[in-house]
C-alpha cells in the first residue's frame, strides 16, 4: 500500500495543539518512551517552550521543545523533537519535514545547534531505528553516545527545513 503524496515540507498537514489535548496524550501514551520510562500522564512534552502538533486525522503527534540552553543538561541551544509517533498512512519522513517547517514558522529565531532527537534502539521495533529521520535529512551524531541511545542530530545548524 502506498502512502498519499505530500508536498515536501508542507507544514499545514499539522494542526497546532496543546500539551494536554486528549488526542496528543493518547498518541503519546502509545509511544515507546512513555511505556518504557513510565512517563505516561495527562500532558506531553517537558516544561518550557513547546510546540505540539497533531495531524488532522489525529493519527500522528509531534512535539518540538526549545529549552533555555542554560537549563538543558547538554547545554546546547537546539530545537528538540521530544516525541514523534505516526500511526497514519503518510510517510513518517514527510511528516518529520513538515513538522520541522512548522516549527521554523512558529519560532522565528533559530537555535545555534540546530535540531536534536534521540532514538532508543532497545525499545524500537524497527530494524533501522531512526530511518524516517534519516530520510528527512537528519544524520547520526557519532560524537554523542549514551548508554542505550544513539542521537540523531541535524548537523547543519543553518538548515531548518
N, C-alpha and C. Protein backbone atom coordinates (compact mmCIF):
# COMPACT_ATOMS: atom_id res chain seq x y z
N UNK A 1 0.84 -1.16 0.00
CA UNK A 1 0.00 0.00 0.00
C UNK A 1 0.90 1.24 0.00
N UNK A 2 0.66 2.13 -0.91
CA UNK A 2 1.49 3.33 -0.98
C UNK A 2 0.90 4.44 -0.14
N UNK A 3 1.77 5.34 0.29
CA UNK A 3 1.36 6.47 1.10
C UNK A 3 0.88 7.59 0.21
N UNK A 4 -0.08 8.40 0.69
CA UNK A 4 -0.54 9.52 -0.12
C UNK A 4 0.59 10.52 -0.35
N UNK A 5 0.54 11.16 -1.49
CA UNK A 5 1.56 12.16 -1.81
C UNK A 5 1.41 13.35 -0.86
N UNK A 6 2.53 13.88 -0.46
CA UNK A 6 2.53 15.06 0.39
C UNK A 6 3.65 15.96 -0.11
N UNK A 7 3.34 17.18 -0.51
CA UNK A 7 4.42 18.06 -0.97
C UNK A 7 5.49 18.20 0.10
N UNK A 8 6.74 18.33 -0.34
CA UNK A 8 7.87 18.44 0.57
C UNK A 8 7.63 19.55 1.58
N UNK A 9 7.76 19.20 2.85
CA UNK A 9 7.74 20.16 3.96
C UNK A 9 6.47 21.00 4.01
N UNK A 10 5.35 20.44 3.63
CA UNK A 10 4.09 21.18 3.71
C UNK A 10 3.62 21.20 5.15
N UNK A 11 3.79 22.34 5.85
CA UNK A 11 3.50 22.36 7.29
C UNK A 11 2.03 22.26 7.64
N UNK A 12 1.13 22.53 6.68
CA UNK A 12 -0.29 22.54 7.02
C UNK A 12 -0.89 21.14 7.18
N UNK A 13 -0.08 20.10 7.02
CA UNK A 13 -0.54 18.75 7.34
C UNK A 13 -0.74 18.63 8.86
N UNK A 14 -0.06 19.51 9.60
CA UNK A 14 -0.13 19.52 11.06
C UNK A 14 -1.07 20.61 11.54
N UNK A 15 -1.71 20.35 12.67
CA UNK A 15 -2.56 21.33 13.35
C UNK A 15 -1.96 21.56 14.73
N UNK A 16 -1.84 22.83 15.10
CA UNK A 16 -1.32 23.12 16.44
C UNK A 16 -2.29 22.60 17.49
N UNK A 17 -1.72 22.06 18.55
CA UNK A 17 -2.50 21.50 19.63
C UNK A 17 -1.92 22.02 20.94
N UNK A 18 -2.37 21.42 22.03
CA UNK A 18 -1.85 21.79 23.35
C UNK A 18 -1.25 20.56 24.00
N UNK A 19 -0.42 20.79 25.01
CA UNK A 19 0.24 19.65 25.65
C UNK A 19 -0.72 18.78 26.46
N UNK A 20 -1.93 19.28 26.72
CA UNK A 20 -2.91 18.49 27.45
C UNK A 20 -4.04 17.96 26.59
N UNK A 21 -3.98 18.16 25.27
CA UNK A 21 -5.04 17.69 24.39
C UNK A 21 -5.13 16.17 24.43
N UNK A 22 -6.34 15.66 24.53
CA UNK A 22 -6.55 14.22 24.67
C UNK A 22 -5.95 13.43 23.51
N UNK A 23 -6.09 13.92 22.28
CA UNK A 23 -5.55 13.19 21.13
C UNK A 23 -4.03 13.11 21.20
N UNK A 24 -3.38 14.18 21.60
CA UNK A 24 -1.91 14.18 21.73
C UNK A 24 -1.47 13.22 22.83
N UNK A 25 -2.15 13.26 23.95
CA UNK A 25 -1.81 12.39 25.08
C UNK A 25 -2.04 10.92 24.72
N UNK A 26 -3.16 10.63 24.05
CA UNK A 26 -3.44 9.24 23.66
C UNK A 26 -2.37 8.68 22.74
N UNK A 27 -1.98 9.46 21.73
CA UNK A 27 -0.91 9.02 20.83
C UNK A 27 0.41 8.87 21.58
N UNK A 28 0.71 9.83 22.43
CA UNK A 28 1.96 9.80 23.20
C UNK A 28 2.02 8.58 24.10
N UNK A 29 0.89 8.22 24.69
CA UNK A 29 0.86 7.06 25.59
C UNK A 29 1.15 5.75 24.87
N UNK A 30 1.03 5.73 23.54
CA UNK A 30 1.35 4.53 22.78
C UNK A 30 2.79 4.57 22.25
N UNK A 31 3.53 5.62 22.54
CA UNK A 31 4.93 5.73 22.12
C UNK A 31 5.81 4.96 23.10
N UNK A 32 6.87 4.35 22.60
CA UNK A 32 7.72 3.52 23.45
C UNK A 32 8.31 4.28 24.62
N UNK A 33 8.59 5.56 24.44
CA UNK A 33 9.23 6.31 25.52
C UNK A 33 8.32 6.46 26.73
N UNK A 34 7.04 6.53 26.50
CA UNK A 34 6.10 6.65 27.63
C UNK A 34 5.95 5.31 28.34
N UNK A 35 5.91 4.24 27.57
CA UNK A 35 5.76 2.91 28.18
C UNK A 35 7.05 2.48 28.87
N UNK A 36 8.18 2.68 28.20
CA UNK A 36 9.45 2.17 28.70
C UNK A 36 9.95 2.91 29.92
N UNK A 37 9.71 4.22 29.96
CA UNK A 37 10.27 5.03 31.04
C UNK A 37 9.23 5.51 32.04
N UNK A 38 7.98 5.02 31.91
CA UNK A 38 6.95 5.38 32.87
C UNK A 38 6.57 6.85 32.86
N UNK A 39 6.51 7.45 31.68
CA UNK A 39 6.22 8.88 31.59
C UNK A 39 4.77 9.18 31.22
N UNK A 40 3.90 8.22 31.33
CA UNK A 40 2.51 8.47 30.98
C UNK A 40 1.92 9.52 31.89
N UNK A 41 0.97 10.24 31.39
CA UNK A 41 0.34 11.27 32.20
C UNK A 41 -0.62 12.08 31.37
N UNK A 42 -1.08 13.16 31.94
CA UNK A 42 -2.09 13.98 31.28
C UNK A 42 -1.55 15.03 30.35
N UNK A 43 -0.22 15.03 30.11
CA UNK A 43 0.37 16.02 29.23
C UNK A 43 1.49 15.39 28.42
N UNK A 44 1.88 16.09 27.35
CA UNK A 44 3.03 15.66 26.56
C UNK A 44 4.10 16.74 26.64
N UNK A 45 5.34 16.32 26.54
CA UNK A 45 6.44 17.26 26.49
C UNK A 45 6.93 17.73 27.85
N UNK A 46 8.18 18.16 27.87
CA UNK A 46 8.78 18.68 29.11
C UNK A 46 8.37 20.13 29.34
N UNK A 47 8.70 20.68 30.50
CA UNK A 47 8.41 22.09 30.75
C UNK A 47 9.22 22.98 29.80
N UNK A 48 8.71 24.15 29.54
CA UNK A 48 9.41 25.09 28.68
C UNK A 48 8.65 25.37 27.40
N UNK A 49 9.35 25.96 26.45
CA UNK A 49 8.73 26.31 25.17
C UNK A 49 8.44 25.04 24.39
N UNK A 50 7.18 24.85 24.05
CA UNK A 50 6.73 23.66 23.32
C UNK A 50 5.88 24.05 22.13
N UNK A 51 5.96 23.23 21.11
CA UNK A 51 5.02 23.28 20.00
C UNK A 51 4.50 21.86 19.84
N UNK A 52 3.21 21.67 20.08
CA UNK A 52 2.58 20.35 19.96
C UNK A 52 1.77 20.36 18.68
N UNK A 53 2.03 19.37 17.83
CA UNK A 53 1.36 19.25 16.54
C UNK A 53 0.68 17.90 16.44
N UNK A 54 -0.53 17.91 15.88
CA UNK A 54 -1.28 16.68 15.63
C UNK A 54 -1.79 16.76 14.19
N UNK A 55 -1.79 15.65 13.48
CA UNK A 55 -2.32 15.67 12.12
C UNK A 55 -3.84 15.78 12.18
N UNK A 56 -4.42 16.28 11.07
CA UNK A 56 -5.87 16.47 11.03
C UNK A 56 -6.63 15.18 11.27
N UNK A 57 -6.06 14.05 10.83
CA UNK A 57 -6.75 12.77 11.04
C UNK A 57 -6.48 12.19 12.43
N UNK A 58 -5.73 12.92 13.26
CA UNK A 58 -5.44 12.52 14.65
C UNK A 58 -4.69 11.19 14.72
N UNK A 59 -3.81 10.95 13.73
CA UNK A 59 -3.07 9.70 13.71
C UNK A 59 -1.57 9.89 13.87
N UNK A 60 -1.15 11.14 14.11
CA UNK A 60 0.28 11.39 14.36
C UNK A 60 0.41 12.58 15.30
N UNK A 61 1.48 12.55 16.10
CA UNK A 61 1.77 13.64 17.03
C UNK A 61 3.27 13.95 16.95
N UNK A 62 3.59 15.22 17.12
CA UNK A 62 4.98 15.71 17.13
C UNK A 62 5.08 16.76 18.21
N UNK A 63 6.16 16.74 18.97
CA UNK A 63 6.41 17.77 19.98
C UNK A 63 7.80 18.36 19.74
N UNK A 64 7.84 19.67 19.48
CA UNK A 64 9.11 20.40 19.40
C UNK A 64 9.30 21.11 20.74
N UNK A 65 10.50 20.99 21.28
CA UNK A 65 10.84 21.61 22.56
C UNK A 65 12.07 22.47 22.34
N UNK A 66 12.05 23.68 22.91
CA UNK A 66 13.20 24.57 22.79
C UNK A 66 13.55 25.08 24.18
N UNK A 67 14.37 24.31 24.91
CA UNK A 67 14.72 24.74 26.26
C UNK A 67 15.77 25.84 26.25
N UNK A 68 15.80 26.59 27.32
CA UNK A 68 16.88 27.55 27.51
C UNK A 68 18.17 26.76 27.63
N UNK A 69 19.21 27.10 26.86
CA UNK A 69 20.45 26.31 26.90
C UNK A 69 21.05 26.19 28.30
N UNK A 70 20.85 27.20 29.14
CA UNK A 70 21.42 27.13 30.49
C UNK A 70 20.68 26.10 31.35
N UNK A 71 19.48 25.71 30.93
CA UNK A 71 18.71 24.71 31.67
C UNK A 71 18.79 23.32 31.05
N UNK A 72 19.31 23.23 29.83
CA UNK A 72 19.42 21.95 29.14
C UNK A 72 20.62 21.18 29.70
N UNK A 73 20.45 19.91 29.96
CA UNK A 73 21.53 19.10 30.52
C UNK A 73 22.77 19.06 29.63
N UNK A 74 22.57 19.13 28.31
CA UNK A 74 23.72 19.12 27.41
C UNK A 74 24.23 20.52 27.09
N UNK A 75 23.52 21.55 27.56
CA UNK A 75 23.94 22.93 27.35
C UNK A 75 23.79 23.44 25.94
N UNK A 76 23.14 22.67 25.06
CA UNK A 76 23.01 23.06 23.66
C UNK A 76 21.78 23.90 23.42
N UNK A 77 21.93 24.91 22.59
CA UNK A 77 20.81 25.72 22.12
C UNK A 77 20.27 25.02 20.87
N UNK A 78 19.23 24.20 21.06
CA UNK A 78 18.73 23.39 19.96
C UNK A 78 17.23 23.18 20.09
N UNK A 79 16.58 23.06 18.94
CA UNK A 79 15.21 22.56 18.91
C UNK A 79 15.32 21.05 19.07
N UNK A 80 14.40 20.48 19.83
CA UNK A 80 14.44 19.04 20.09
C UNK A 80 13.09 18.42 19.76
N UNK A 81 13.13 17.36 19.01
CA UNK A 81 11.93 16.56 18.82
C UNK A 81 11.88 15.63 20.02
N UNK A 82 10.98 15.92 20.95
CA UNK A 82 10.90 15.09 22.14
C UNK A 82 9.89 13.96 22.00
N UNK A 83 9.05 14.03 20.96
CA UNK A 83 8.07 12.98 20.74
C UNK A 83 7.62 13.02 19.29
N UNK A 84 7.62 11.86 18.65
CA UNK A 84 7.04 11.72 17.32
C UNK A 84 6.45 10.32 17.24
N UNK A 85 5.17 10.25 16.90
CA UNK A 85 4.50 8.97 16.68
C UNK A 85 3.58 9.13 15.49
N UNK A 86 3.70 8.19 14.57
CA UNK A 86 2.86 8.20 13.37
C UNK A 86 2.15 6.86 13.25
N UNK A 87 0.82 6.90 13.30
CA UNK A 87 0.01 5.70 13.12
C UNK A 87 -0.81 5.80 11.84
N UNK A 88 -0.53 6.83 11.04
CA UNK A 88 -1.31 7.07 9.84
C UNK A 88 -0.61 6.63 8.57
N UNK A 89 -1.23 6.92 7.41
CA UNK A 89 -0.73 6.45 6.12
C UNK A 89 0.38 7.32 5.51
N UNK A 90 0.56 8.53 5.98
CA UNK A 90 1.57 9.42 5.40
C UNK A 90 2.95 8.98 5.85
N UNK A 91 3.91 9.01 4.94
CA UNK A 91 5.28 8.62 5.29
C UNK A 91 5.79 9.44 6.47
N UNK A 92 6.42 8.78 7.42
CA UNK A 92 6.94 9.47 8.59
C UNK A 92 7.98 10.51 8.21
N UNK A 93 8.81 10.23 7.23
CA UNK A 93 9.83 11.21 6.83
C UNK A 93 9.19 12.48 6.30
N UNK A 94 8.05 12.37 5.62
CA UNK A 94 7.34 13.55 5.14
C UNK A 94 6.76 14.34 6.32
N UNK A 95 6.24 13.63 7.30
CA UNK A 95 5.71 14.31 8.48
C UNK A 95 6.82 15.01 9.26
N UNK A 96 7.99 14.38 9.34
CA UNK A 96 9.13 15.00 10.04
C UNK A 96 9.50 16.31 9.35
N UNK A 97 9.63 16.29 8.03
CA UNK A 97 9.98 17.51 7.29
C UNK A 97 8.92 18.60 7.51
N UNK A 98 7.66 18.20 7.46
CA UNK A 98 6.58 19.17 7.63
C UNK A 98 6.58 19.74 9.05
N UNK A 99 6.87 18.92 10.04
CA UNK A 99 6.92 19.40 11.43
C UNK A 99 8.10 20.34 11.63
N UNK A 100 9.21 20.06 10.98
CA UNK A 100 10.36 20.95 11.06
C UNK A 100 10.02 22.31 10.45
N UNK A 101 9.32 22.30 9.34
CA UNK A 101 8.91 23.54 8.70
C UNK A 101 7.93 24.30 9.59
N UNK A 102 6.98 23.60 10.17
CA UNK A 102 6.01 24.25 11.06
C UNK A 102 6.70 24.85 12.28
N UNK A 103 7.71 24.16 12.79
CA UNK A 103 8.47 24.67 13.93
C UNK A 103 9.23 25.94 13.54
N UNK A 104 9.87 25.92 12.38
CA UNK A 104 10.62 27.10 11.92
C UNK A 104 9.69 28.29 11.71
N UNK A 105 8.46 28.03 11.29
CA UNK A 105 7.49 29.12 11.11
C UNK A 105 6.96 29.62 12.44
N UNK A 106 6.88 28.73 13.42
CA UNK A 106 6.37 29.10 14.74
C UNK A 106 7.37 29.95 15.51
N UNK A 107 8.64 29.53 15.53
CA UNK A 107 9.69 30.28 16.22
C UNK A 107 10.58 30.92 15.18
N UNK A 108 10.50 32.21 15.06
CA UNK A 108 11.27 32.91 14.03
C UNK A 108 12.77 32.91 14.32
N UNK A 109 13.15 32.95 15.59
CA UNK A 109 14.58 32.86 15.94
C UNK A 109 15.05 31.44 15.68
N UNK A 110 16.35 31.29 15.49
CA UNK A 110 16.92 29.98 15.21
C UNK A 110 17.92 29.60 16.29
N UNK A 111 17.88 28.35 16.76
CA UNK A 111 18.88 27.91 17.74
C UNK A 111 20.22 27.67 17.07
N UNK A 112 21.28 27.90 17.80
CA UNK A 112 22.64 27.78 17.24
C UNK A 112 22.99 26.35 16.86
N UNK A 113 22.47 25.36 17.59
CA UNK A 113 22.88 23.97 17.37
C UNK A 113 21.92 23.18 16.48
N UNK A 114 20.91 23.81 15.91
CA UNK A 114 20.01 23.09 15.01
C UNK A 114 19.01 22.22 15.75
N UNK A 115 18.88 20.99 15.30
CA UNK A 115 17.89 20.05 15.81
C UNK A 115 18.56 18.87 16.52
N UNK A 116 17.86 18.32 17.50
CA UNK A 116 18.27 17.09 18.16
C UNK A 116 17.06 16.18 18.36
N UNK A 117 17.30 14.90 18.34
CA UNK A 117 16.33 13.93 18.81
C UNK A 117 17.11 12.69 19.23
N UNK A 118 16.45 11.81 19.92
CA UNK A 118 17.08 10.58 20.37
C UNK A 118 16.19 9.42 19.99
N UNK A 119 16.81 8.31 19.66
CA UNK A 119 16.08 7.08 19.35
C UNK A 119 16.68 5.99 20.23
N UNK A 120 15.87 5.40 21.07
CA UNK A 120 16.33 4.33 21.94
C UNK A 120 16.19 3.01 21.20
N UNK A 121 17.30 2.47 20.76
CA UNK A 121 17.28 1.26 19.95
C UNK A 121 16.83 0.02 20.71
N UNK A 122 16.83 0.08 22.03
CA UNK A 122 16.40 -1.09 22.80
C UNK A 122 14.88 -1.22 22.82
N UNK A 123 14.15 -0.16 22.49
CA UNK A 123 12.69 -0.21 22.51
C UNK A 123 12.06 -0.02 21.14
N UNK A 124 12.87 0.22 20.14
CA UNK A 124 12.36 0.47 18.80
C UNK A 124 12.29 -0.85 18.05
N UNK A 125 11.12 -1.14 17.50
CA UNK A 125 10.93 -2.41 16.80
C UNK A 125 11.58 -2.42 15.42
N UNK A 126 11.89 -1.28 14.86
CA UNK A 126 12.44 -1.18 13.51
C UNK A 126 13.81 -1.84 13.42
N UNK A 127 14.09 -2.42 12.27
CA UNK A 127 15.42 -2.96 12.03
C UNK A 127 16.41 -1.84 11.70
N UNK A 128 15.90 -0.64 11.45
CA UNK A 128 16.73 0.52 11.17
C UNK A 128 16.19 1.71 11.96
N UNK A 129 16.43 1.74 13.28
CA UNK A 129 15.86 2.78 14.13
C UNK A 129 16.26 4.18 13.67
N UNK A 130 15.27 5.06 13.62
CA UNK A 130 15.52 6.44 13.22
C UNK A 130 15.56 6.65 11.71
N UNK A 131 15.18 5.63 10.95
CA UNK A 131 15.26 5.72 9.49
C UNK A 131 14.42 6.87 8.94
N UNK A 132 13.24 7.09 9.50
CA UNK A 132 12.39 8.17 8.98
C UNK A 132 13.07 9.53 9.18
N UNK A 133 13.79 9.71 10.27
CA UNK A 133 14.53 10.95 10.48
C UNK A 133 15.67 11.07 9.47
N UNK A 134 16.36 9.96 9.23
CA UNK A 134 17.46 9.98 8.26
C UNK A 134 16.94 10.31 6.86
N UNK A 135 15.78 9.77 6.50
CA UNK A 135 15.17 10.07 5.19
C UNK A 135 14.75 11.54 5.12
N UNK A 136 14.53 12.17 6.26
CA UNK A 136 14.14 13.58 6.31
C UNK A 136 15.36 14.50 6.38
N UNK A 137 16.56 13.94 6.29
CA UNK A 137 17.77 14.75 6.24
C UNK A 137 18.58 14.82 7.51
N UNK A 138 18.21 14.06 8.53
CA UNK A 138 18.97 14.03 9.77
C UNK A 138 20.14 13.06 9.61
N UNK A 139 21.17 13.28 10.40
CA UNK A 139 22.32 12.38 10.37
C UNK A 139 22.65 11.94 11.79
N UNK A 140 23.27 10.79 11.87
CA UNK A 140 23.68 10.26 13.17
C UNK A 140 24.84 11.08 13.71
N UNK A 141 24.69 11.57 14.91
CA UNK A 141 25.75 12.33 15.58
C UNK A 141 26.66 11.32 16.27
N UNK A 142 27.77 11.01 15.65
CA UNK A 142 28.68 9.98 16.17
C UNK A 142 29.51 10.46 17.35
N UNK A 143 29.46 11.75 17.64
CA UNK A 143 30.21 12.28 18.79
C UNK A 143 29.45 12.09 20.10
N UNK A 144 28.15 11.87 20.02
CA UNK A 144 27.34 11.74 21.21
C UNK A 144 26.88 10.31 21.36
N UNK A 145 27.07 9.77 22.51
CA UNK A 145 26.60 8.41 22.80
C UNK A 145 26.08 8.39 24.24
N UNK A 146 25.09 7.60 24.44
CA UNK A 146 24.64 7.36 25.80
C UNK A 146 24.70 5.85 26.03
N UNK A 147 24.23 5.45 27.16
CA UNK A 147 24.25 4.03 27.50
C UNK A 147 23.47 3.20 26.47
N UNK A 148 22.33 3.71 26.00
CA UNK A 148 21.48 2.94 25.11
C UNK A 148 21.26 3.58 23.74
N UNK A 149 21.17 4.88 23.68
CA UNK A 149 20.61 5.53 22.51
C UNK A 149 21.60 6.35 21.71
N UNK A 150 21.76 6.03 20.44
CA UNK A 150 22.48 6.98 19.61
C UNK A 150 21.58 8.18 19.36
N UNK A 151 22.14 9.36 19.30
CA UNK A 151 21.35 10.55 19.00
C UNK A 151 21.35 10.77 17.51
N UNK A 152 20.21 11.11 16.98
CA UNK A 152 20.13 11.57 15.61
C UNK A 152 20.09 13.08 15.69
N UNK A 153 20.95 13.73 14.94
CA UNK A 153 21.03 15.17 15.03
C UNK A 153 21.18 15.76 13.64
N UNK A 154 20.44 16.79 13.37
CA UNK A 154 20.64 17.53 12.13
C UNK A 154 21.86 18.40 12.33
N UNK A 155 22.90 18.16 11.58
CA UNK A 155 24.17 18.78 11.85
C UNK A 155 24.31 20.19 11.30
N UNK A 156 23.64 20.53 10.24
CA UNK A 156 23.75 21.87 9.68
C UNK A 156 22.83 22.80 10.43
N UNK A 157 23.39 23.59 11.31
CA UNK A 157 22.60 24.47 12.16
C UNK A 157 21.86 25.53 11.37
N UNK A 158 22.32 25.85 10.16
CA UNK A 158 21.65 26.88 9.36
C UNK A 158 20.54 26.31 8.49
N UNK A 159 20.32 25.01 8.55
CA UNK A 159 19.29 24.37 7.74
C UNK A 159 18.15 23.92 8.64
N UNK A 160 16.98 24.49 8.43
CA UNK A 160 15.85 24.21 9.32
C UNK A 160 14.69 23.54 8.62
N UNK A 161 14.80 23.25 7.36
CA UNK A 161 13.71 22.57 6.66
C UNK A 161 14.23 21.37 5.94
